[in-house]
Amino acid sequence: MHARTLMTASTLLLALTATAMAKDDTVRTEVRRGNSSAVVVQSGDPKSATVHVERRPGYVKIEQHSRGSSATVIQIDDAAEGKR
């Protein structure tokens, strides 16, 4: 095999390995509502993370805690905002 082909193949293998390792240490929560979506991504062990999703008409709240950090995302549509 040509040296350049071997180098490219090994670089690709390293990139794929790094990506696979990164996915193991990532907590990801995704919520979709119609045309809207919210994604929360944090580093950490998915088994030890806590995720709470609250849904009401016109309202979605995501709370995610991992490795001492936390993230909160709130989506409100126009109809729900007028009712507050």
C-alpha atoms as a PDB file:
ATOM      1  CA  MET A   1       0.000   0.000   0.000  1.00  0.00           C
ATOM      2  CA  HIS A   2       1.172   3.519  -0.703  1.00  0.00           C
ATOM      3  CA  ALA A   3       2.531   5.477   2.326  1.00  0.00           C
ATOM      4  CA  ARG A   4       0.083   8.353   1.768  1.00  0.00           C
ATOM      5  CA  THR A   5      -2.878   5.916   1.707  1.00  0.00           C
ATOM      6  CA  LEU A   6      -1.716   4.312   4.965  1.00  0.00           C
ATOM      7  CA  MET A   7      -1.321   7.696   6.622  1.00  0.00           C
ATOM      8  CA  THR A   8      -4.796   8.793   5.498  1.00  0.00           C
ATOM      9  CA  ALA A   9      -6.343   5.537   6.706  1.00  0.00           C
ATOM     10  CA  SER A  10      -4.645   5.782  10.100  1.00  0.00           C
ATOM     11  CA  THR A  11      -5.696   9.448  10.467  1.00  0.00           C
ATOM     12  CA  LEU A  12      -9.288   8.488   9.671  1.00  0.00           C
ATOM     13  CA  LEU A  13      -9.158   5.652  12.200  1.00  0.00           C
ATOM     14  CA  LEU A  14      -7.863   8.026  14.895  1.00  0.00           C
ATOM     15  CA  ALA A  15     -10.605  10.537  14.100  1.00  0.00           C
ATOM     16  CA  LEU A  16     -13.306   7.863  14.273  1.00  0.00           C
ATOM     17  CA  THR A  17     -11.900   6.555  17.563  1.00  0.00           C
ATOM     18  CA  ALA A  18     -11.822  10.052  19.059  1.00  0.00           C
ATOM     19  CA  THR A  19     -15.407  10.635  17.940  1.00  0.00           C
ATOM     20  CA  ALA A  20     -16.568   7.344  19.440  1.00  0.00           C
ATOM     21  CA  MET A  21     -14.803   8.125  22.723  1.00  0.00           C
ATOM     22  CA  ALA A  22     -16.331  11.603  22.818  1.00  0.00           C
ATOM     23  CA  LYS A  23     -19.824  10.173  22.368  1.00  0.00           C
ATOM     24  CA  ASP A  24     -19.336   7.874  25.375  1.00  0.00           C
ATOM     25  CA  ASP A  25     -18.607  10.902  27.586  1.00  0.00           C
ATOM     26  CA  THR A  26     -21.452  13.074  26.323  1.00  0.00           C
ATOM     27  CA  VAL A  27     -24.925  13.605  27.718  1.00  0.00           C
ATOM     28  CA  ARG A  28     -27.359  14.705  25.011  1.00  0.00           C
ATOM     29  CA  THR A  29     -31.032  15.539  25.370  1.00  0.00           C
ATOM     30  CA  GLU A  30     -33.115  16.554  22.367  1.00  0.00           C
ATOM     31  CA  VAL A  31     -36.751  17.665  22.383  1.00  0.00           C
ATOM     32  CA  ARG A  32     -38.714  18.382  19.195  1.00  0.00           C
ATOM     33  CA  ARG A  33     -42.051  20.175  18.977  1.00  0.00           C
ATOM     34  CA  GLY A  34     -43.368  20.856  15.526  1.00  0.00           C
ATOM     35  CA  ASN A  35     -40.784  23.008  13.747  1.00  0.00           C
ATOM     36  CA  SER A  36     -38.896  23.761  16.969  1.00  0.00           C
ATOM     37  CA  SER A  37     -36.179  21.729  18.583  1.00  0.00           C
ATOM     38  CA  ALA A  38     -33.895  22.136  21.576  1.00  0.00           C
ATOM     39  CA  VAL A  39     -30.678  20.224  22.161  1.00  0.00           C
ATOM     40  CA  VAL A  40     -28.611  20.187  25.356  1.00  0.00           C
ATOM     41  CA  VAL A  41     -25.146  18.584  25.131  1.00  0.00           C
ATOM     42  CA  GLN A  42     -22.798  18.296  28.110  1.00  0.00           C
ATOM     43  CA  SER A  43     -19.703  16.288  28.884  1.00  0.00           C
ATOM     44  CA  GLY A  44     -20.214  13.544  31.426  1.00  0.00           C
ATOM     45  CA  ASP A  45     -21.420  10.017  31.969  1.00  0.00           C
ATOM     46  CA  PRO A  46     -24.984   9.565  30.682  1.00  0.00           C
ATOM     47  CA  LYS A  47     -25.638   7.042  33.475  1.00  0.00           C
ATOM     48  CA  SER A  48     -24.952   9.604  36.213  1.00  0.00           C
ATOM     49  CA  ALA A  49     -26.637  12.617  34.576  1.00  0.00           C
ATOM     50  CA  THR A  50     -30.081  13.779  35.600  1.00  0.00           C
ATOM     51  CA  VAL A  51     -32.543  15.039  33.002  1.00  0.00           C
ATOM     52  CA  HIS A  52     -35.987  16.473  33.618  1.00  0.00           C
ATOM     53  CA  VAL A  53     -38.307  17.465  30.755  1.00  0.00           C
ATOM     54  CA  GLU A  54     -41.505  19.365  31.570  1.00  0.00           C
ATOM     55  CA  ARG A  55     -44.112  19.694  28.809  1.00  0.00           C
ATOM     56  CA  ARG A  56     -47.256  21.791  28.836  1.00  0.00           C
ATOM     57  CA  PRO A  57     -49.283  23.218  25.959  1.00  0.00           C
ATOM     58  CA  GLY A  58     -47.023  25.790  24.293  1.00  0.00           C
ATOM     59  CA  TYR A  59     -44.199  25.247  26.804  1.00  0.00           C
ATOM     60  CA  VAL A  60     -41.217  22.898  27.156  1.00  0.00           C
ATOM     61  CA  LYS A  61     -38.518  23.074  29.828  1.00  0.00           C
ATOM     62  CA  ILE A  62     -35.377  20.890  29.837  1.00  0.00           C
ATOM     63  CA  GLU A  63     -33.155  20.700  32.913  1.00  0.00           C
ATOM     64  CA  GLN A  64     -29.982  18.643  32.659  1.00  0.00           C
ATOM     65  CA  HIS A  65     -27.257  18.199  35.284  1.00  0.00           C
ATOM     66  CA  SER A  66     -23.929  16.498  34.645  1.00  0.00           C
ATOM     67  CA  ARG A  67     -20.545  16.624  36.436  1.00  0.00           C
ATOM     68  CA  GLY A  68     -21.453  19.600  38.570  1.00  0.00           C
ATOM     69  CA  SER A  69     -22.707  21.719  35.671  1.00  0.00           C
ATOM     70  CA  SER A  70     -26.285  22.314  34.716  1.00  0.00           C
ATOM     71  CA  ALA A  71     -28.228  23.584  31.736  1.00  0.00           C
ATOM     72  CA  THR A  72     -31.802  24.789  31.456  1.00  0.00           C
ATOM     73  CA  VAL A  73     -33.635  25.442  28.186  1.00  0.00           C
ATOM     74  CA  ILE A  74     -37.173  26.848  28.021  1.00  0.00           C
ATOM     75  CA  GLN A  75     -39.222  27.065  24.820  1.00  0.00           C
ATOM     76  CA  ILE A  76     -42.457  29.051  24.778  1.00  0.00           C
ATOM     77  CA  ASP A  77     -44.591  29.567  21.702  1.00  0.00           C
ATOM     78  CA  ASP A  78     -46.560  32.765  21.040  1.00  0.00           C
ATOM     79  CA  ALA A  79     -49.899  31.321  22.204  1.00  0.00           C
ATOM     80  CA  ALA A  80     -48.484  30.271  25.575  1.00  0.00           C
ATOM     81  CA  GLU A  81     -46.696  33.579  26.104  1.00  0.00           C
ATOM     82  CA  GLY A  82     -49.988  35.481  25.854  1.00  0.00           C
ATOM     83  CA  LYS A  83     -51.501  33.298  28.605  1.00  0.00           C
ATOM     84  CA  ARG A  84     -48.831  34.154  31.203  1.00  0.00           C
END
